[in-house]
Amino acid sequence: MKKNNVKAVIDTQLFLRAAINPNSLAFKIIFDLDEQYTLVASKAIISEVRNVLYRWELRIKFPHLTDRIAERLLSAFARAEVVEPDNVPSVSRDPKDDKFIACAVAAKANYIISEDKDLLVLNPYQGIQIINALDFLNVLQNISPET
């Protein structure tokens, strides 16, 4: 059961970091702290994460990135609130990042967690905080269980 009403969209890069390093902050946020927030995603985000985790170039570069690890990461979406944005506005300098903004707006998310400068420079966007993983960890650590 969630201890608060925090909703967060996590970008693809953080899922990849978690897949590459199970000791990473990204992994901790996605799996160890998952009860402290609601993960929000769209079909477009889930599809992109799946495509990235199964890219053969990444599998060559990171041989420990196996199907088993990819499936474990994708299993995080089973607990996600999945929304389908009505439209995807052209907001970011990188059009591929607009799906994260659209998802967060559609879900009325509090945060987008990203290390991508094209997203981070938009902080805040329509009341949504766009922050890096370390800042999100600090947010979660400062939320009291009664919130």
C-alpha atoms as a PDB file:
ATOM      1  CA  MET A   1       0.000   0.000   0.000  1.00  0.00           C
ATOM      2  CA  LYS A   2       1.331   3.401  -0.957  1.00  0.00           C
ATOM      3  CA  LYS A   3       2.221   5.645   1.944  1.00  0.00           C
ATOM      4  CA  ASN A   4       1.553   8.875   0.053  1.00  0.00           C
ATOM      5  CA  ASN A   5       0.054  10.269  -3.125  1.00  0.00           C
ATOM      6  CA  VAL A   6       3.269  10.859  -5.049  1.00  0.00           C
ATOM      7  CA  LYS A   7       3.020   9.975  -8.748  1.00  0.00           C
ATOM      8  CA  ALA A   8       6.176   9.770 -10.841  1.00  0.00           C
ATOM      9  CA  VAL A   9       7.065   9.138 -14.464  1.00  0.00           C
ATOM     10  CA  ILE A  10      10.520   7.574 -14.823  1.00  0.00           C
ATOM     11  CA  ASP A  11      12.353   8.032 -18.091  1.00  0.00           C
ATOM     12  CA  THR A  12      13.874   5.242 -20.179  1.00  0.00           C
ATOM     13  CA  GLN A  13      17.471   6.123 -19.324  1.00  0.00           C
ATOM     14  CA  LEU A  14      16.862   5.343 -15.654  1.00  0.00           C
ATOM     15  CA  PHE A  15      15.370   1.946 -16.508  1.00  0.00           C
ATOM     16  CA  LEU A  16      18.490   1.241 -18.556  1.00  0.00           C
ATOM     17  CA  ARG A  17      20.759   2.339 -15.697  1.00  0.00           C
ATOM     18  CA  ALA A  18      18.867   0.023 -13.361  1.00  0.00           C
ATOM     19  CA  ALA A  19      19.271  -2.854 -15.821  1.00  0.00           C
ATOM     20  CA  ILE A  20      23.000  -2.251 -16.165  1.00  0.00           C
ATOM     21  CA  ASN A  21      23.688  -1.845 -12.459  1.00  0.00           C
ATOM     22  CA  PRO A  22      21.493  -3.403  -9.748  1.00  0.00           C
ATOM     23  CA  ASN A  23      23.400  -1.303  -7.205  1.00  0.00           C
ATOM     24  CA  SER A  24      22.430   1.955  -8.909  1.00  0.00           C
ATOM     25  CA  LEU A  25      20.221   4.677  -7.537  1.00  0.00           C
ATOM     26  CA  ALA A  26      17.847   4.037 -10.461  1.00  0.00           C
ATOM     27  CA  PHE A  27      17.425   0.401  -9.381  1.00  0.00           C
ATOM     28  CA  LYS A  28      16.824   1.495  -5.790  1.00  0.00           C
ATOM     29  CA  ILE A  29      14.102   3.926  -6.863  1.00  0.00           C
ATOM     30  CA  ILE A  30      12.387   1.470  -9.209  1.00  0.00           C
ATOM     31  CA  PHE A  31      12.439  -1.553  -6.899  1.00  0.00           C
ATOM     32  CA  ASP A  32      13.463  -0.772  -3.330  1.00  0.00           C
ATOM     33  CA  LEU A  33      11.424   2.411  -2.904  1.00  0.00           C
ATOM     34  CA  ASP A  34       8.476   1.439  -5.112  1.00  0.00           C
ATOM     35  CA  GLU A  35       6.018   1.469  -2.195  1.00  0.00           C
ATOM     36  CA  GLN A  36       6.679   5.162  -1.622  1.00  0.00           C
ATOM     37  CA  TYR A  37       5.260   6.423  -4.918  1.00  0.00           C
ATOM     38  CA  THR A  38       3.037   5.402  -7.800  1.00  0.00           C
ATOM     39  CA  LEU A  39       4.880   4.700 -11.026  1.00  0.00           C
ATOM     40  CA  VAL A  40       3.071   6.234 -13.997  1.00  0.00           C
ATOM     41  CA  ALA A  41       3.599   5.183 -17.608  1.00  0.00           C
ATOM     42  CA  SER A  42       1.995   5.144 -21.030  1.00  0.00           C
ATOM     43  CA  LYS A  43       2.070   2.474 -23.724  1.00  0.00           C
ATOM     44  CA  ALA A  44       4.618   4.598 -25.599  1.00  0.00           C
ATOM     45  CA  ILE A  45       6.947   4.709 -22.581  1.00  0.00           C
ATOM     46  CA  ILE A  46       6.621   0.987 -21.867  1.00  0.00           C
ATOM     47  CA  SER A  47       7.291   0.225 -25.529  1.00  0.00           C
ATOM     48  CA  GLU A  48      10.394   2.425 -25.583  1.00  0.00           C
ATOM     49  CA  VAL A  49      11.783   0.866 -22.403  1.00  0.00           C
ATOM     50  CA  ARG A  50      11.186  -2.621 -23.818  1.00  0.00           C
ATOM     51  CA  ASN A  51      12.871  -1.709 -27.118  1.00  0.00           C
ATOM     52  CA  VAL A  52      15.907  -0.226 -25.377  1.00  0.00           C
ATOM     53  CA  LEU A  53      16.363  -3.167 -23.001  1.00  0.00           C
ATOM     54  CA  TYR A  54      16.339  -5.595 -25.946  1.00  0.00           C
ATOM     55  CA  ARG A  55      18.671  -3.640 -28.260  1.00  0.00           C
ATOM     56  CA  TRP A  56      21.394  -5.949 -29.465  1.00  0.00           C
ATOM     57  CA  GLU A  57      23.987  -3.141 -29.400  1.00  0.00           C
ATOM     58  CA  LEU A  58      23.387  -2.701 -25.685  1.00  0.00           C
ATOM     59  CA  ARG A  59      23.432  -6.444 -25.115  1.00  0.00           C
ATOM     60  CA  ILE A  60      26.889  -6.549 -26.722  1.00  0.00           C
ATOM     61  CA  LYS A  61      28.135  -3.582 -24.690  1.00  0.00           C
ATOM     62  CA  PHE A  62      26.598  -4.929 -21.464  1.00  0.00           C
ATOM     63  CA  PRO A  63      26.637  -8.758 -21.712  1.00  0.00           C
ATOM     64  CA  HIS A  64      25.115  -9.093 -18.242  1.00  0.00           C
ATOM     65  CA  LEU A  65      21.956  -7.349 -19.574  1.00  0.00           C
ATOM     66  CA  THR A  66      19.986 -10.550 -20.123  1.00  0.00           C
ATOM     67  CA  ASP A  67      16.368 -11.275 -20.976  1.00  0.00           C
ATOM     68  CA  ARG A  68      15.828 -12.135 -17.316  1.00  0.00           C
ATOM     69  CA  ILE A  69      17.052  -8.725 -16.193  1.00  0.00           C
ATOM     70  CA  ALA A  70      15.037  -6.963 -18.899  1.00  0.00           C
ATOM     71  CA  GLU A  71      11.872  -8.803 -17.862  1.00  0.00           C
ATOM     72  CA  ARG A  72      12.465  -7.931 -14.228  1.00  0.00           C
ATOM     73  CA  LEU A  73      12.689  -4.258 -15.142  1.00  0.00           C
ATOM     74  CA  LEU A  74       9.604  -4.477 -17.323  1.00  0.00           C
ATOM     75  CA  SER A  75       7.735  -6.129 -14.455  1.00  0.00           C
ATOM     76  CA  ALA A  76       7.815  -2.764 -12.676  1.00  0.00           C
ATOM     77  CA  PHE A  77       5.136  -1.623 -15.121  1.00  0.00           C
ATOM     78  CA  ALA A  78       2.741  -4.250 -13.745  1.00  0.00           C
ATOM     79  CA  ARG A  79       2.251  -1.992 -10.720  1.00  0.00           C
ATOM     80  CA  ALA A  80       2.153   1.207 -12.752  1.00  0.00           C
ATOM     81  CA  GLU A  81      -0.777   3.471 -13.390  1.00  0.00           C
ATOM     82  CA  VAL A  82      -0.957   3.344 -17.181  1.00  0.00           C
ATOM     83  CA  VAL A  83      -2.464   6.372 -18.885  1.00  0.00           C
ATOM     84  CA  GLU A  84      -2.956   7.272 -22.510  1.00  0.00           C
ATOM     85  CA  PRO A  85      -2.451  10.965 -23.192  1.00  0.00           C
ATOM     86  CA  ASP A  86      -5.001  12.564 -25.507  1.00  0.00           C
ATOM     87  CA  ASN A  87      -2.260  14.494 -27.221  1.00  0.00           C
ATOM     88  CA  VAL A  88       1.506  14.768 -27.078  1.00  0.00           C
ATOM     89  CA  PRO A  89       2.483  18.434 -27.165  1.00  0.00           C
ATOM     90  CA  SER A  90       5.735  19.473 -28.743  1.00  0.00           C
ATOM     91  CA  VAL A  91       7.511  20.814 -25.669  1.00  0.00           C
ATOM     92  CA  SER A  92      11.027  19.392 -25.372  1.00  0.00           C
ATOM     93  CA  ARG A  93      14.065  20.201 -27.496  1.00  0.00           C
ATOM     94  CA  ASP A  94      14.104  16.454 -28.199  1.00  0.00           C
ATOM     95  CA  PRO A  95      10.704  15.380 -29.585  1.00  0.00           C
ATOM     96  CA  LYS A  96      11.288  11.832 -28.270  1.00  0.00           C
ATOM     97  CA  ASP A  97      11.030  13.235 -24.739  1.00  0.00           C
ATOM     98  CA  ASP A  98       7.557  14.714 -25.237  1.00  0.00           C
ATOM     99  CA  LYS A  99       5.912  11.374 -24.377  1.00  0.00           C
ATOM    100  CA  PHE A 100       7.161  11.698 -20.784  1.00  0.00           C
ATOM    101  CA  ILE A 101       5.652  15.182 -20.453  1.00  0.00           C
ATOM    102  CA  ALA A 102       2.354  14.056 -22.013  1.00  0.00           C
ATOM    103  CA  CYS A 103       2.164  11.046 -19.692  1.00  0.00           C
ATOM    104  CA  ALA A 104       2.850  13.135 -16.599  1.00  0.00           C
ATOM    105  CA  VAL A 105       0.228  15.716 -17.581  1.00  0.00           C
ATOM    106  CA  ALA A 106      -2.396  13.042 -18.347  1.00  0.00           C
ATOM    107  CA  ALA A 107      -1.779  11.299 -15.005  1.00  0.00           C
ATOM    108  CA  LYS A 108      -1.495  14.526 -13.026  1.00  0.00           C
ATOM    109  CA  ALA A 109       1.899  13.267 -11.883  1.00  0.00           C
ATOM    110  CA  ASN A 110       3.970  15.163  -9.367  1.00  0.00           C
ATOM    111  CA  TYR A 111       7.355  14.280 -10.847  1.00  0.00           C
ATOM    112  CA  ILE A 112       9.242  13.245 -13.940  1.00  0.00           C
ATOM    113  CA  ILE A 113      12.488  11.549 -12.944  1.00  0.00           C
ATOM    114  CA  SER A 114      15.199  11.971 -15.543  1.00  0.00           C
ATOM    115  CA  GLU A 115      18.871  12.604 -16.071  1.00  0.00           C
ATOM    116  CA  ASP A 116      18.132  14.023 -19.558  1.00  0.00           C
ATOM    117  CA  LYS A 117      19.031  17.712 -19.842  1.00  0.00           C
ATOM    118  CA  ASP A 118      16.344  18.198 -22.513  1.00  0.00           C
ATOM    119  CA  LEU A 119      13.736  17.323 -19.878  1.00  0.00           C
ATOM    120  CA  LEU A 120      15.454  18.834 -16.843  1.00  0.00           C
ATOM    121  CA  VAL A 121      15.573  22.318 -18.416  1.00  0.00           C
ATOM    122  CA  LEU A 122      11.760  22.302 -18.548  1.00  0.00           C
ATOM    123  CA  ASN A 123      11.452  22.098 -14.750  1.00  0.00           C
ATOM    124  CA  PRO A 124       8.804  22.818 -13.656  1.00  0.00           C
ATOM    125  CA  TYR A 125       6.265  22.094 -16.377  1.00  0.00           C
ATOM    126  CA  GLN A 126       2.597  22.774 -15.574  1.00  0.00           C
ATOM    127  CA  GLY A 127       3.289  22.165 -11.894  1.00  0.00           C
ATOM    128  CA  ILE A 128       5.181  18.919 -12.549  1.00  0.00           C
ATOM    129  CA  GLN A 129       8.657  18.830 -11.041  1.00  0.00           C
ATOM    130  CA  ILE A 130      11.258  17.437 -13.453  1.00  0.00           C
ATOM    131  CA  ILE A 131      14.158  16.280 -11.314  1.00  0.00           C
ATOM    132  CA  ASN A 132      17.064  13.863 -11.335  1.00  0.00           C
ATOM    133  CA  ALA A 133      17.168  10.567  -9.451  1.00  0.00           C
ATOM    134  CA  LEU A 134      19.140  11.907  -6.485  1.00  0.00           C
ATOM    135  CA  ASP A 135      16.689  14.760  -5.979  1.00  0.00           C
ATOM    136  CA  PHE A 136      13.780  12.294  -6.172  1.00  0.00           C
ATOM    137  CA  LEU A 137      15.448  10.094  -3.568  1.00  0.00           C
ATOM    138  CA  ASN A 138      15.666  13.156  -1.311  1.00  0.00           C
ATOM    139  CA  VAL A 139      11.971  13.869  -1.915  1.00  0.00           C
ATOM    140  CA  LEU A 140      11.039  10.319  -0.916  1.00  0.00           C
ATOM    141  CA  GLN A 141      13.245  10.434   2.165  1.00  0.00           C
ATOM    142  CA  ASN A 142      11.624  13.674   3.307  1.00  0.00           C
ATOM    143  CA  ILE A 143       8.043  12.462   2.995  1.00  0.00           C
ATOM    144  CA  SER A 144       6.635  11.299   6.277  1.00  0.00           C
ATOM    145  CA  PRO A 145       4.726   7.973   6.267  1.00  0.00           C
ATOM    146  CA  GLU A 146       1.586   9.783   7.394  1.00  0.00           C
ATOM    147  CA  THR A 147       1.504  11.965   4.263  1.00  0.00           C
END
